[in-house]
Amino acid sequence: MLRKIGIIGTGMLGNAIGLHLLESNFDLTVYNRTKEKTKELENKGAKVLNSPKEVAENSELIIIVLKDAQAIKEISFGDNGIIRGKNQGLVVADMSTISPQESKNITKIFLEHEIIKLDTPVMGGPNLAIFGDLVLIASGDKEVFDKFKDVFEKIASRIFFLEGSGTAHLIKLAMNIQITMLALALSEGITLVRSAQIDPKIFLDILNSTYFKTGMSENKAYKMIQNEYEPTFTLANLRKDIITITDTAKAFGVRLPMIKKAEEMYNEAYQNGFGRIDYTGILAYIKKINEIEQKNKNYD
């Protein structure tokens, strides 16, 4: 029998994961609040259902790929939520980026309804998900995780399993600190060399010949200098994650001064209309504030 998998949340990442699972011959049912976003999956053979409840009734594993903890609670515990249509042995895998505290609370409520939740956030965007090349960070019940390991191994080429509910989400937040800082560092480096009328491609070529190169500097950065910000992960979504990071740090009683500064930058960029472009579009915002500053100097 084919594995019966459900996906709730078919944005860019959820859609790519779903397409790859269909190519891998899984029986897929999907739900998204905006039904238009399920069309590609439906055309490839997925069954589109009308509620999370129906997805639960037709799945043995549900993969959640949603914006935040509030959205997860709504589709999980609402009137037509997952818990209203549970079937025996149902497992939920949460690939959203949320705080470990929220993850533990959601896990607890699911357990009260005899549903096991696994924490399964991933690293990598839809361009990797379509080939099953994500990095998956998992935590929760190892025995239950192993039961569906064949599914997770189709989604990710590398898997790290950690003990303890919420642990995977904490690591995911720590990983997104790296993404944030790399995007800012590249943006400021590009801005600095441009200010001296130096081609930023030279800066990137030199950077990428050193120990300090990253996947971002080797790939996205060349799009950044061409002002290409087609989103694989929007600036608005990274801003949301940065807020989650700073809230989590506060809950753990630690100060993260640099991510707090980054939060200010991304908030400003978001408020100035840069939210829908790729998160690396922070470069475009930095360019704008420098242009405004220069214009003000010329006016003075």
Protein backbone atom coordinates (compact mmCIF):
# COMPACT_ATOMS: atom_id res chain seq x y z
CA MET A 1 0.00 0.00 0.00
CA LEU A 2 1.08 3.55 -0.72
CA ARG A 3 1.90 5.74 2.25
CA LYS A 4 -0.97 8.17 2.87
CA ILE A 5 0.58 11.57 3.47
CA GLY A 6 -1.16 14.88 4.09
CA ILE A 7 0.29 18.37 3.72
CA ILE A 8 -1.29 21.39 5.35
CA GLY A 9 0.23 24.62 4.05
CA THR A 10 1.09 24.64 0.36
CA GLY A 11 3.07 27.84 0.07
CA MET A 12 6.39 27.76 -1.78
CA LEU A 13 8.02 25.18 0.49
CA GLY A 14 4.97 23.01 1.12
CA ASN A 15 4.19 22.94 -2.60
CA ALA A 16 7.74 21.85 -3.51
CA ILE A 17 7.75 19.11 -0.84
CA GLY A 18 4.39 17.89 -2.11
CA LEU A 19 5.53 17.76 -5.73
CA HIS A 20 8.55 15.69 -4.77
CA LEU A 21 6.44 13.28 -2.70
CA LEU A 22 4.08 12.81 -5.64
CA GLU A 23 7.07 12.05 -7.89
CA SER A 24 8.14 9.52 -5.25
CA ASN A 25 4.76 7.76 -5.53
CA PHE A 26 3.19 8.72 -2.22
CA ASP A 27 -0.58 9.06 -1.89
CA LEU A 28 -0.94 12.78 -1.14
CA THR A 29 -3.82 14.84 0.23
CA VAL A 30 -3.45 18.58 0.77
CA TYR A 31 -5.18 21.55 2.35
CA ASN A 32 -4.45 25.25 2.13
CA ARG A 33 -6.61 28.13 3.28
CA THR A 34 -6.08 29.81 -0.12
CA LYS A 35 -7.17 27.00 -2.41
CA GLU A 36 -5.49 28.53 -5.46
CA LYS A 37 -2.13 27.51 -3.99
CA THR A 38 -3.07 23.82 -4.27
CA LYS A 39 -3.65 23.86 -8.05
CA GLU A 40 -0.22 22.63 -9.13
CA LEU A 41 -0.34 19.75 -6.67
CA GLU A 42 -3.87 18.85 -7.76
CA ASN A 43 -2.78 18.81 -11.40
CA LYS A 44 0.03 16.40 -10.47
CA GLY A 45 -2.33 13.99 -8.71
CA ALA A 46 -2.81 15.23 -5.14
CA LYS A 47 -6.31 15.20 -3.62
CA VAL A 48 -7.32 18.65 -2.43
CA LEU A 49 -9.57 18.55 0.64
CA ASN A 50 -11.71 21.20 2.27
CA SER A 51 -10.42 21.17 5.85
CA PRO A 52 -7.60 19.96 8.10
CA LYS A 53 -10.18 17.59 9.61
CA GLU A 54 -10.59 15.85 6.24
CA VAL A 55 -6.83 15.64 5.79
CA ALA A 56 -6.57 13.93 9.18
CA GLU A 57 -9.26 11.43 8.22
CA ASN A 58 -7.33 10.49 5.08
CA SER A 59 -3.70 10.47 6.28
CA GLU A 60 -1.33 8.48 8.45
CA LEU A 61 1.22 11.32 8.53
CA ILE A 62 0.39 15.03 8.24
CA ILE A 63 3.17 17.47 7.41
CA ILE A 64 2.46 21.03 8.56
CA VAL A 65 4.27 23.88 6.76
CA LEU A 66 2.74 27.08 8.12
CA LYS A 67 3.70 30.64 8.97
CA ASP A 68 3.55 30.63 12.77
CA ALA A 69 2.30 28.95 15.94
CA GLN A 70 -1.08 30.69 15.79
CA ALA A 71 -1.75 29.27 12.32
CA ILE A 72 -0.76 25.80 13.57
CA LYS A 73 -3.17 26.04 16.50
CA GLU A 74 -6.02 27.12 14.23
CA ILE A 75 -5.65 24.23 11.79
CA SER A 76 -4.93 21.75 14.58
CA PHE A 77 -7.46 22.57 17.27
CA GLY A 78 -10.15 24.67 15.54
CA ASP A 79 -13.69 23.55 14.69
CA ASN A 80 -12.52 21.73 11.55
CA GLY A 81 -9.02 21.07 12.87
CA ILE A 82 -6.85 17.98 12.78
CA ILE A 83 -8.04 16.72 16.16
CA ARG A 84 -11.64 16.63 14.90
CA GLY A 85 -10.79 14.07 12.24
CA LYS A 86 -8.05 12.03 13.86
CA ASN A 87 -7.64 8.38 13.03
CA GLN A 88 -5.81 5.74 15.02
CA GLY A 89 -2.04 6.14 14.86
CA LEU A 90 -2.12 9.57 13.23
CA VAL A 91 1.21 11.43 13.42
CA VAL A 92 1.82 15.13 12.78
CA ALA A 93 5.21 16.44 11.60
CA ASP A 94 5.64 20.19 12.10
CA MET A 95 8.03 21.79 9.60
CA SER A 96 7.10 25.35 10.56
CA THR A 97 9.54 27.70 12.29
CA ILE A 98 8.19 28.33 15.79
CA SER A 99 9.58 28.74 19.29
CA PRO A 100 10.44 25.64 21.34
CA GLN A 101 8.00 26.81 24.02
CA GLU A 102 5.12 26.94 21.53
CA SER A 103 6.19 23.59 20.09
CA LYS A 104 6.03 21.93 23.50
CA ASN A 105 2.60 23.40 24.20
CA ILE A 106 1.21 22.24 20.86
CA THR A 107 2.73 18.78 21.35
CA LYS A 108 1.05 18.51 24.75
CA ILE A 109 -2.39 19.36 23.36
CA PHE A 110 -1.98 16.83 20.55
CA LEU A 111 -1.04 14.16 23.09
CA GLU A 112 -4.24 14.87 25.00
CA HIS A 113 -6.02 13.82 21.80
CA GLU A 114 -3.76 10.76 21.34
CA ILE A 115 -1.87 12.25 18.40
CA ILE A 116 1.93 12.22 18.32
CA LYS A 117 3.64 15.38 17.04
CA LEU A 118 7.19 15.38 15.74
CA ASP A 119 9.30 18.54 15.39
CA THR A 120 10.71 18.49 11.86
CA PRO A 121 11.88 21.96 10.73
CA VAL A 122 14.06 22.02 7.63
CA MET A 123 16.90 24.03 6.16
CA GLY A 124 16.78 24.85 2.46
CA GLY A 125 14.18 26.43 0.21
CA PRO A 126 11.78 25.16 -2.46
CA ASN A 127 14.66 24.94 -4.96
CA LEU A 128 16.12 22.12 -2.83
CA ALA A 129 12.81 20.66 -1.63
CA ILE A 130 11.76 19.86 -5.20
CA PHE A 131 14.71 17.42 -5.38
CA GLY A 132 14.38 16.06 -1.83
CA ASP A 133 17.63 17.74 -0.85
CA LEU A 134 16.60 19.55 2.35
CA VAL A 135 18.36 19.25 5.69
CA LEU A 136 15.86 18.01 8.26
CA ILE A 137 16.24 18.62 12.00
CA ALA A 138 13.96 16.35 14.02
CA SER A 139 13.05 15.82 17.65
CA GLY A 140 10.34 14.00 19.55
CA ASP A 141 9.51 10.29 19.77
CA LYS A 142 12.33 8.43 18.00
CA GLU A 143 10.33 5.24 17.53
CA VAL A 144 7.53 7.16 15.81
CA PHE A 145 10.04 9.11 13.72
CA ASP A 146 11.64 5.86 12.55
CA LYS A 147 8.21 4.56 11.51
CA PHE A 148 8.08 7.31 8.87
CA LYS A 149 11.79 7.53 8.14
CA ASP A 150 11.22 6.47 4.53
CA VAL A 151 9.09 9.61 4.03
CA PHE A 152 11.59 11.93 5.70
CA GLU A 153 14.46 10.43 3.72
CA LYS A 154 12.61 11.34 0.51
CA ILE A 155 12.20 14.93 1.72
CA ALA A 156 15.75 15.43 3.04
CA SER A 157 19.19 14.22 2.02
CA ARG A 158 20.53 14.84 5.53
CA ILE A 159 18.68 14.20 8.79
CA PHE A 160 19.68 15.10 12.33
CA PHE A 161 17.61 13.59 15.14
CA LEU A 162 17.74 15.27 18.56
CA GLU A 163 16.22 14.30 21.87
CA GLY A 164 13.50 16.34 23.56
CA SER A 165 10.34 18.09 22.38
CA GLY A 166 11.06 21.54 20.96
CA THR A 167 14.79 20.93 20.54
CA ALA A 168 14.68 20.86 16.74
CA HIS A 169 12.83 24.17 16.63
CA LEU A 170 15.45 25.77 18.89
CA ILE A 171 18.23 24.63 16.54
CA LYS A 172 16.24 25.93 13.57
CA LEU A 173 16.05 29.38 15.19
CA ALA A 174 19.81 29.30 15.82
CA MET A 175 20.31 28.41 12.14
CA ASN A 176 18.17 31.35 11.07
CA ILE A 177 20.44 33.67 13.05
CA GLN A 178 23.19 32.58 10.64
CA ILE A 179 21.00 33.28 7.59
CA THR A 180 20.13 36.73 8.92
CA MET A 181 23.71 37.73 9.65
CA LEU A 182 25.07 36.40 6.36
CA ALA A 183 22.48 38.38 4.39
CA LEU A 184 23.36 41.55 6.30
CA ALA A 185 27.12 41.02 6.02
CA LEU A 186 26.92 40.46 2.26
CA SER A 187 24.64 43.48 1.84
CA GLU A 188 26.98 45.79 3.72
CA GLY A 189 30.07 44.45 1.94
CA ILE A 190 28.42 44.99 -1.46
CA THR A 191 27.28 48.47 -0.42
CA LEU A 192 30.78 49.44 0.74
CA VAL A 193 32.57 48.38 -2.46
CA ARG A 194 29.89 50.00 -4.61
CA SER A 195 30.43 53.27 -2.75
CA ALA A 196 33.99 53.26 -4.12
CA GLN A 197 32.76 52.46 -7.67
CA ILE A 198 34.21 48.96 -7.48
CA ASP A 199 32.33 46.16 -9.24
CA PRO A 200 30.80 44.08 -6.40
CA LYS A 201 31.35 40.94 -8.48
CA ILE A 202 35.08 41.34 -7.78
CA PHE A 203 34.33 41.42 -4.06
CA LEU A 204 32.23 38.24 -4.35
CA ASP A 205 34.81 36.43 -6.49
CA ILE A 206 37.52 37.16 -3.92
CA LEU A 207 35.26 36.24 -1.00
CA ASN A 208 34.38 32.95 -2.65
CA SER A 209 38.06 32.07 -3.09
CA THR A 210 38.53 32.16 0.69
CA TYR A 211 37.62 30.18 3.79
CA PHE A 212 34.80 32.66 4.43
CA LYS A 213 32.67 31.71 1.43
CA THR A 214 29.15 30.40 2.02
CA GLY A 215 26.37 28.93 -0.07
CA MET A 216 24.74 32.34 0.05
CA SER A 217 27.85 34.15 -1.19
CA GLU A 218 28.31 31.61 -3.99
CA ASN A 219 24.71 31.69 -5.19
CA LYS A 220 22.24 34.29 -3.97
CA ALA A 221 24.84 37.06 -3.72
CA TYR A 222 25.33 37.17 -7.50
CA LYS A 223 21.59 37.68 -7.89
CA MET A 224 21.69 40.37 -5.21
CA ILE A 225 24.19 42.49 -7.17
CA GLN A 226 21.88 42.21 -10.20
CA ASN A 227 18.95 43.44 -8.07
CA GLU A 228 17.23 40.08 -8.48
CA TYR A 229 15.14 39.23 -5.43
CA GLU A 230 12.73 36.55 -6.61
CA PRO A 231 11.70 35.06 -3.26
CA THR A 232 12.49 31.56 -2.11
CA PHE A 233 11.99 32.83 1.45
CA THR A 234 10.49 36.27 1.83
CA LEU A 235 11.89 39.14 3.84
CA ALA A 236 8.57 39.22 5.73
CA ASN A 237 9.00 35.58 6.76
CA LEU A 238 12.57 36.07 7.93
CA ARG A 239 11.44 39.12 9.91
CA LYS A 240 8.82 36.92 11.58
CA ASP A 241 11.48 34.36 12.45
CA ILE A 242 13.82 37.04 13.82
CA ILE A 243 11.04 38.20 16.16
CA THR A 244 10.58 34.58 17.27
CA ILE A 245 14.34 34.35 17.91
CA THR A 246 14.44 37.46 20.07
CA ASP A 247 11.34 36.36 22.00
CA THR A 248 12.89 32.93 22.57
CA ALA A 249 16.18 34.45 23.76
CA LYS A 250 14.22 36.57 26.23
CA ALA A 251 12.37 33.48 27.50
CA PHE A 252 15.73 31.75 28.07
CA GLY A 253 17.14 34.82 29.79
CA VAL A 254 19.96 35.48 27.32
CA ARG A 255 20.94 38.64 25.42
CA LEU A 256 21.60 38.36 21.69
CA PRO A 257 22.58 41.93 20.84
CA MET A 258 23.32 41.44 17.13
CA ILE A 259 20.05 39.69 16.26
CA LYS A 260 18.24 42.44 18.17
CA LYS A 261 19.91 45.00 15.89
CA ALA A 262 18.98 42.87 12.89
CA GLU A 263 15.37 42.86 14.09
CA GLU A 264 15.35 46.66 13.90
CA MET A 265 16.73 46.57 10.33
CA TYR A 266 14.26 43.97 9.08
CA ASN A 267 11.35 45.73 10.78
CA GLU A 268 12.28 48.97 9.00
CA ALA A 269 12.63 47.19 5.66
CA TYR A 270 9.27 45.48 6.13
CA GLN A 271 7.55 48.72 7.09
CA ASN A 272 8.99 50.37 3.98
CA GLY A 273 7.41 47.83 1.65
CA PHE A 274 10.21 45.29 1.14
CA GLY A 275 8.39 42.35 2.74
CA ARG A 276 7.39 40.41 -0.38
CA ILE A 277 10.82 40.13 -1.97
CA ASP A 278 13.51 37.63 -0.98
CA TYR A 279 15.10 38.13 2.45
CA THR A 280 18.37 39.05 0.69
CA GLY A 281 16.48 42.13 -0.49
CA ILE A 282 17.72 43.74 2.72
CA LEU A 283 20.43 44.96 0.32
CA ALA A 284 17.77 46.92 -1.60
CA TYR A 285 16.63 48.53 1.65
CA ILE A 286 20.19 49.49 2.60
CA LYS A 287 20.62 50.98 -0.87
CA LYS A 288 17.44 53.00 -0.40
CA ILE A 289 18.41 54.47 2.98
CA ASN A 290 21.82 55.45 1.60
CA GLU A 291 20.20 57.15 -1.39
CA ILE A 292 17.88 59.07 0.94
CA GLU A 293 20.79 60.09 3.15
CA GLN A 294 22.81 61.27 0.14
CA LYS A 295 19.84 63.20 -1.22
CA ASN A 296 19.40 64.93 2.14
CA LYS A 297 23.09 65.88 2.20
CA ASN A 298 22.86 67.35 -1.29
CA TYR A 299 19.75 69.28 -0.28
CA ASP A 300 21.50 70.69 2.79
